[in-house]
N, C-alpha and C. Protein backbone atom coordinates (compact mmCIF):
# COMPACT_ATOMS: atom_id res chain seq x y z
N UNK A 1 2.73 -48.49 -43.78
CA UNK A 1 3.86 -48.13 -44.61
C UNK A 1 4.12 -49.28 -45.58
N UNK A 2 4.34 -48.93 -46.82
CA UNK A 2 4.63 -49.92 -47.84
C UNK A 2 5.99 -50.57 -47.58
N UNK A 3 6.15 -51.83 -48.00
CA UNK A 3 7.43 -52.52 -47.76
C UNK A 3 8.65 -51.78 -48.33
N UNK A 4 8.51 -51.18 -49.50
CA UNK A 4 9.67 -50.47 -50.07
C UNK A 4 10.02 -49.23 -49.25
N UNK A 5 9.03 -48.58 -48.68
CA UNK A 5 9.30 -47.44 -47.82
C UNK A 5 9.94 -47.88 -46.50
N UNK A 6 9.48 -49.00 -45.98
CA UNK A 6 10.06 -49.55 -44.75
C UNK A 6 11.52 -49.89 -44.98
N UNK A 7 11.81 -50.48 -46.13
CA UNK A 7 13.19 -50.82 -46.47
C UNK A 7 14.04 -49.56 -46.58
N UNK A 8 13.50 -48.51 -47.17
CA UNK A 8 14.23 -47.25 -47.28
C UNK A 8 14.50 -46.65 -45.91
N UNK A 9 13.52 -46.70 -45.03
CA UNK A 9 13.72 -46.17 -43.68
C UNK A 9 14.77 -46.98 -42.93
N UNK A 10 14.69 -48.30 -43.02
CA UNK A 10 15.66 -49.15 -42.33
C UNK A 10 17.07 -48.88 -42.83
N UNK A 11 17.22 -48.66 -44.13
CA UNK A 11 18.52 -48.32 -44.69
C UNK A 11 18.99 -46.96 -44.19
N UNK A 12 18.09 -46.00 -44.12
CA UNK A 12 18.41 -44.68 -43.58
C UNK A 12 18.90 -44.79 -42.14
N UNK A 13 18.18 -45.53 -41.32
CA UNK A 13 18.56 -45.69 -39.92
C UNK A 13 19.91 -46.38 -39.79
N UNK A 14 20.14 -47.42 -40.57
CA UNK A 14 21.42 -48.13 -40.52
C UNK A 14 22.57 -47.23 -40.95
N UNK A 15 22.37 -46.47 -42.01
CA UNK A 15 23.40 -45.57 -42.50
C UNK A 15 23.70 -44.48 -41.48
N UNK A 16 22.64 -43.89 -40.93
CA UNK A 16 22.82 -42.86 -39.91
C UNK A 16 23.53 -43.43 -38.70
N UNK A 17 23.17 -44.62 -38.29
CA UNK A 17 23.81 -45.26 -37.14
C UNK A 17 25.30 -45.47 -37.36
N UNK A 18 25.66 -45.99 -38.52
CA UNK A 18 27.08 -46.22 -38.83
C UNK A 18 27.85 -44.91 -38.81
N UNK A 19 27.30 -43.89 -39.45
CA UNK A 19 27.99 -42.60 -39.50
C UNK A 19 28.14 -41.98 -38.11
N UNK A 20 27.07 -42.08 -37.32
CA UNK A 20 27.10 -41.49 -35.99
C UNK A 20 28.10 -42.20 -35.09
N UNK A 21 28.11 -43.51 -35.12
CA UNK A 21 29.08 -44.27 -34.32
C UNK A 21 30.50 -43.89 -34.71
N UNK A 22 30.76 -43.86 -35.99
CA UNK A 22 32.11 -43.52 -36.47
C UNK A 22 32.54 -42.15 -35.97
N UNK A 23 31.65 -41.18 -36.06
CA UNK A 23 32.00 -39.82 -35.65
C UNK A 23 32.22 -39.69 -34.15
N UNK A 24 31.32 -40.25 -33.36
CA UNK A 24 31.48 -40.04 -31.92
C UNK A 24 32.62 -40.87 -31.36
N UNK A 25 32.91 -42.01 -31.94
CA UNK A 25 34.05 -42.79 -31.48
C UNK A 25 35.34 -42.02 -31.76
N UNK A 26 35.43 -41.39 -32.91
CA UNK A 26 36.62 -40.59 -33.23
C UNK A 26 36.70 -39.36 -32.33
N UNK A 27 35.60 -38.66 -32.16
CA UNK A 27 35.60 -37.43 -31.37
C UNK A 27 35.85 -37.67 -29.89
N UNK A 28 35.40 -38.82 -29.40
CA UNK A 28 35.48 -39.10 -27.96
C UNK A 28 36.62 -40.05 -27.61
N UNK A 29 37.49 -40.33 -28.56
CA UNK A 29 38.68 -41.16 -28.32
C UNK A 29 38.33 -42.56 -27.82
N UNK A 30 37.48 -43.23 -28.58
CA UNK A 30 37.18 -44.62 -28.27
C UNK A 30 35.72 -44.88 -28.00
N UNK A 31 35.36 -46.14 -28.15
CA UNK A 31 33.96 -46.55 -28.01
C UNK A 31 33.45 -46.41 -26.58
N UNK A 32 34.28 -46.76 -25.61
CA UNK A 32 33.83 -46.66 -24.21
C UNK A 32 33.54 -45.22 -23.82
N UNK A 33 34.44 -44.31 -24.17
CA UNK A 33 34.22 -42.89 -23.88
C UNK A 33 33.00 -42.36 -24.62
N UNK A 34 32.85 -42.77 -25.89
CA UNK A 34 31.72 -42.30 -26.69
C UNK A 34 30.40 -42.78 -26.09
N UNK A 35 30.35 -44.03 -25.68
CA UNK A 35 29.13 -44.57 -25.08
C UNK A 35 28.80 -43.85 -23.77
N UNK A 36 29.79 -43.60 -22.96
CA UNK A 36 29.57 -42.89 -21.70
C UNK A 36 29.06 -41.47 -21.95
N UNK A 37 29.65 -40.78 -22.91
CA UNK A 37 29.21 -39.41 -23.21
C UNK A 37 27.81 -39.38 -23.81
N UNK A 38 27.52 -40.35 -24.68
CA UNK A 38 26.19 -40.42 -25.28
C UNK A 38 25.13 -40.61 -24.20
N UNK A 39 25.40 -41.47 -23.25
CA UNK A 39 24.45 -41.72 -22.17
C UNK A 39 24.34 -40.54 -21.22
N UNK A 40 25.45 -39.88 -20.96
CA UNK A 40 25.46 -38.77 -20.01
C UNK A 40 24.79 -37.51 -20.58
N UNK A 41 25.10 -37.20 -21.83
CA UNK A 41 24.57 -35.97 -22.43
C UNK A 41 24.61 -36.08 -23.95
N UNK A 42 23.51 -36.51 -24.58
CA UNK A 42 23.50 -36.67 -26.03
C UNK A 42 23.77 -35.38 -26.81
N UNK A 43 23.64 -34.23 -26.15
CA UNK A 43 23.92 -32.96 -26.83
C UNK A 43 25.29 -32.41 -26.43
N UNK A 44 26.02 -33.15 -25.62
CA UNK A 44 27.29 -32.68 -25.08
C UNK A 44 28.44 -32.72 -26.07
N UNK A 45 29.56 -32.23 -25.59
CA UNK A 45 30.80 -32.13 -26.35
C UNK A 45 31.15 -33.46 -27.02
N UNK A 46 31.35 -33.41 -28.33
CA UNK A 46 31.78 -34.58 -29.08
C UNK A 46 30.65 -35.48 -29.54
N UNK A 47 29.44 -35.30 -29.00
CA UNK A 47 28.31 -36.16 -29.37
C UNK A 47 27.35 -35.39 -30.28
N UNK A 48 26.77 -34.32 -29.79
CA UNK A 48 25.92 -33.43 -30.56
C UNK A 48 24.87 -34.16 -31.40
N UNK A 49 24.06 -34.97 -30.74
CA UNK A 49 23.07 -35.81 -31.43
C UNK A 49 22.10 -35.00 -32.28
N UNK A 50 21.52 -33.94 -31.75
CA UNK A 50 20.54 -33.18 -32.52
C UNK A 50 21.15 -32.53 -33.76
N UNK A 51 22.38 -32.05 -33.65
CA UNK A 51 23.05 -31.48 -34.82
C UNK A 51 23.28 -32.55 -35.89
N UNK A 52 23.64 -33.75 -35.44
CA UNK A 52 23.85 -34.84 -36.38
C UNK A 52 22.54 -35.20 -37.09
N UNK A 53 21.45 -35.29 -36.33
CA UNK A 53 20.16 -35.64 -36.93
C UNK A 53 19.72 -34.56 -37.91
N UNK A 54 19.93 -33.31 -37.58
CA UNK A 54 19.58 -32.23 -38.51
C UNK A 54 20.37 -32.37 -39.81
N UNK A 55 21.65 -32.71 -39.71
CA UNK A 55 22.47 -32.90 -40.92
C UNK A 55 22.00 -34.10 -41.72
N UNK A 56 21.65 -35.18 -41.05
CA UNK A 56 21.14 -36.37 -41.75
C UNK A 56 19.84 -36.04 -42.48
N UNK A 57 18.96 -35.30 -41.82
CA UNK A 57 17.72 -34.91 -42.47
C UNK A 57 18.00 -34.08 -43.73
N UNK A 58 18.98 -33.20 -43.67
CA UNK A 58 19.35 -32.41 -44.86
C UNK A 58 19.97 -33.31 -45.93
N UNK A 59 20.89 -34.17 -45.54
CA UNK A 59 21.58 -35.03 -46.50
C UNK A 59 20.61 -35.96 -47.25
N UNK A 60 19.60 -36.45 -46.54
CA UNK A 60 18.66 -37.40 -47.13
C UNK A 60 17.36 -36.72 -47.57
N UNK A 61 17.38 -35.39 -47.65
CA UNK A 61 16.26 -34.59 -48.15
C UNK A 61 14.98 -34.83 -47.35
N UNK A 62 15.12 -34.95 -46.05
CA UNK A 62 13.98 -35.16 -45.17
C UNK A 62 13.59 -33.90 -44.41
N UNK A 63 14.23 -32.79 -44.70
CA UNK A 63 13.96 -31.54 -44.00
C UNK A 63 12.82 -30.76 -44.68
N UNK A 64 11.70 -31.47 -44.81
CA UNK A 64 10.48 -30.92 -45.39
C UNK A 64 9.29 -31.58 -44.69
N UNK A 65 8.10 -31.05 -44.85
CA UNK A 65 6.94 -31.72 -44.25
C UNK A 65 6.78 -33.17 -44.74
N UNK A 66 7.00 -33.40 -46.02
CA UNK A 66 6.88 -34.76 -46.56
C UNK A 66 7.95 -35.69 -45.96
N UNK A 67 9.15 -35.18 -45.82
CA UNK A 67 10.22 -35.98 -45.21
C UNK A 67 9.92 -36.29 -43.76
N UNK A 68 9.42 -35.31 -43.04
CA UNK A 68 9.06 -35.53 -41.64
C UNK A 68 7.95 -36.57 -41.54
N UNK A 69 6.99 -36.51 -42.43
CA UNK A 69 5.89 -37.48 -42.42
C UNK A 69 6.39 -38.89 -42.74
N UNK A 70 7.36 -39.00 -43.63
CA UNK A 70 7.97 -40.29 -43.95
C UNK A 70 8.58 -40.91 -42.69
N UNK A 71 9.34 -40.11 -41.95
CA UNK A 71 9.98 -40.59 -40.72
C UNK A 71 8.92 -40.93 -39.68
N UNK A 72 7.97 -40.05 -39.49
CA UNK A 72 6.93 -40.28 -38.48
C UNK A 72 6.08 -41.50 -38.80
N UNK A 73 5.83 -41.73 -40.07
CA UNK A 73 5.06 -42.91 -40.47
C UNK A 73 5.83 -44.18 -40.15
N UNK A 74 7.14 -44.15 -40.32
CA UNK A 74 7.97 -45.33 -40.07
C UNK A 74 8.04 -45.66 -38.58
N UNK A 75 7.94 -44.66 -37.74
CA UNK A 75 8.08 -44.89 -36.29
C UNK A 75 6.85 -44.38 -35.54
N UNK A 76 5.70 -44.59 -36.14
CA UNK A 76 4.44 -44.04 -35.64
C UNK A 76 4.08 -44.50 -34.23
N UNK A 77 4.53 -45.66 -33.82
CA UNK A 77 4.14 -46.18 -32.50
C UNK A 77 5.11 -45.81 -31.40
N UNK A 78 6.21 -45.16 -31.74
CA UNK A 78 7.19 -44.74 -30.72
C UNK A 78 6.71 -43.45 -30.05
N UNK A 79 6.85 -43.38 -28.74
CA UNK A 79 6.50 -42.12 -28.06
C UNK A 79 7.57 -41.06 -28.31
N UNK A 80 7.15 -39.83 -28.28
CA UNK A 80 8.09 -38.72 -28.41
C UNK A 80 7.53 -37.51 -27.67
N UNK A 81 8.39 -36.56 -27.41
CA UNK A 81 7.97 -35.34 -26.72
C UNK A 81 7.08 -34.53 -27.65
N UNK A 82 6.08 -33.84 -27.09
CA UNK A 82 5.24 -32.99 -27.93
C UNK A 82 6.06 -31.81 -28.46
N UNK A 83 5.75 -31.38 -29.66
CA UNK A 83 6.49 -30.26 -30.24
C UNK A 83 6.08 -28.93 -29.61
N UNK A 84 6.95 -27.96 -29.76
CA UNK A 84 6.60 -26.60 -29.34
C UNK A 84 5.55 -26.06 -30.29
N UNK A 85 4.62 -25.28 -29.78
CA UNK A 85 3.60 -24.70 -30.66
C UNK A 85 4.23 -23.88 -31.78
N UNK A 86 3.61 -23.92 -32.92
CA UNK A 86 4.09 -23.17 -34.06
C UNK A 86 3.43 -23.66 -35.32
N UNK A 87 3.97 -23.29 -36.45
CA UNK A 87 3.42 -23.76 -37.72
C UNK A 87 3.48 -25.30 -37.80
N UNK A 88 2.53 -25.88 -38.46
CA UNK A 88 2.48 -27.34 -38.56
C UNK A 88 3.77 -27.89 -39.15
N UNK A 89 4.32 -27.23 -40.15
CA UNK A 89 5.58 -27.68 -40.76
C UNK A 89 6.69 -27.80 -39.72
N UNK A 90 6.82 -26.80 -38.87
CA UNK A 90 7.86 -26.82 -37.84
C UNK A 90 7.57 -27.89 -36.80
N UNK A 91 6.31 -28.07 -36.45
CA UNK A 91 5.95 -29.09 -35.47
C UNK A 91 6.25 -30.49 -36.00
N UNK A 92 5.96 -30.73 -37.27
CA UNK A 92 6.27 -32.03 -37.87
C UNK A 92 7.77 -32.30 -37.85
N UNK A 93 8.55 -31.28 -38.20
CA UNK A 93 10.01 -31.43 -38.19
C UNK A 93 10.52 -31.71 -36.78
N UNK A 94 10.01 -30.99 -35.80
CA UNK A 94 10.44 -31.20 -34.42
C UNK A 94 10.14 -32.63 -33.97
N UNK A 95 8.92 -33.09 -34.23
CA UNK A 95 8.55 -34.44 -33.82
C UNK A 95 9.38 -35.49 -34.53
N UNK A 96 9.57 -35.32 -35.83
CA UNK A 96 10.33 -36.30 -36.61
C UNK A 96 11.78 -36.36 -36.15
N UNK A 97 12.39 -35.21 -35.98
CA UNK A 97 13.80 -35.18 -35.55
C UNK A 97 13.96 -35.73 -34.15
N UNK A 98 13.07 -35.37 -33.23
CA UNK A 98 13.18 -35.87 -31.85
C UNK A 98 12.99 -37.38 -31.81
N UNK A 99 11.97 -37.88 -32.50
CA UNK A 99 11.71 -39.32 -32.50
C UNK A 99 12.85 -40.08 -33.17
N UNK A 100 13.37 -39.55 -34.28
CA UNK A 100 14.48 -40.20 -34.97
C UNK A 100 15.73 -40.16 -34.09
N UNK A 101 15.99 -39.04 -33.45
CA UNK A 101 17.17 -38.93 -32.58
C UNK A 101 17.09 -39.92 -31.43
N UNK A 102 15.92 -40.07 -30.83
CA UNK A 102 15.76 -41.02 -29.74
C UNK A 102 15.99 -42.45 -30.21
N UNK A 103 15.42 -42.80 -31.36
CA UNK A 103 15.61 -44.13 -31.93
C UNK A 103 17.07 -44.36 -32.29
N UNK A 104 17.70 -43.38 -32.92
CA UNK A 104 19.11 -43.49 -33.30
C UNK A 104 19.99 -43.68 -32.08
N UNK A 105 19.76 -42.91 -31.04
CA UNK A 105 20.57 -43.03 -29.82
C UNK A 105 20.45 -44.42 -29.22
N UNK A 106 19.24 -44.96 -29.17
CA UNK A 106 19.08 -46.30 -28.58
C UNK A 106 19.74 -47.37 -29.43
N UNK A 107 19.65 -47.25 -30.75
CA UNK A 107 20.31 -48.22 -31.63
C UNK A 107 21.82 -48.13 -31.53
N UNK A 108 22.33 -46.91 -31.48
CA UNK A 108 23.78 -46.70 -31.38
C UNK A 108 24.29 -47.23 -30.04
N UNK A 109 23.55 -47.02 -28.98
CA UNK A 109 23.96 -47.56 -27.68
C UNK A 109 24.09 -49.08 -27.75
N UNK A 110 23.13 -49.75 -28.37
CA UNK A 110 23.19 -51.21 -28.51
C UNK A 110 24.43 -51.65 -29.27
N UNK A 111 24.70 -51.00 -30.39
CA UNK A 111 25.85 -51.35 -31.21
C UNK A 111 27.15 -51.10 -30.46
N UNK A 112 27.22 -49.98 -29.77
CA UNK A 112 28.44 -49.65 -29.05
C UNK A 112 28.65 -50.55 -27.84
N UNK A 113 27.57 -50.94 -27.17
CA UNK A 113 27.69 -51.89 -26.06
C UNK A 113 28.29 -53.21 -26.54
N UNK A 114 27.83 -53.66 -27.70
CA UNK A 114 28.37 -54.89 -28.27
C UNK A 114 29.84 -54.73 -28.63
N UNK A 115 30.20 -53.59 -29.22
CA UNK A 115 31.59 -53.35 -29.59
C UNK A 115 32.49 -53.31 -28.36
N UNK A 116 32.03 -52.67 -27.31
CA UNK A 116 32.82 -52.58 -26.08
C UNK A 116 32.93 -53.97 -25.43
N UNK A 117 31.84 -54.73 -25.45
CA UNK A 117 31.84 -56.06 -24.85
C UNK A 117 32.78 -57.02 -25.55
N UNK A 118 32.82 -56.92 -26.88
CA UNK A 118 33.64 -57.86 -27.65
C UNK A 118 35.04 -57.34 -27.91
N UNK A 119 35.32 -56.14 -27.39
CA UNK A 119 36.66 -55.60 -27.44
C UNK A 119 37.06 -55.04 -28.72
């Protein structure tokens, strides 16, 4: 991946992380509750990780095969669940969204742990 693309991906991840933290902290009435819910059920009430990732992909125009490839190229070494069989376009989107959601959740957990620790 070219350095400018890496920088764009890092900015995307940081922006998504900030937005996601803000939303789940508001929805879950505080950072401690949000962190607990994220860990217990990322798709649960007030968290809805996959819905958030789908919206981010739409907002940043990544809901295409090229967008999915951009994300997958940035996180090529991360493991992810295999996609459900189907058209290649759908499989790329599934892999990109799942891998991005997993990365986002782990980054958000780190940030929220620090926020909870420092009060």
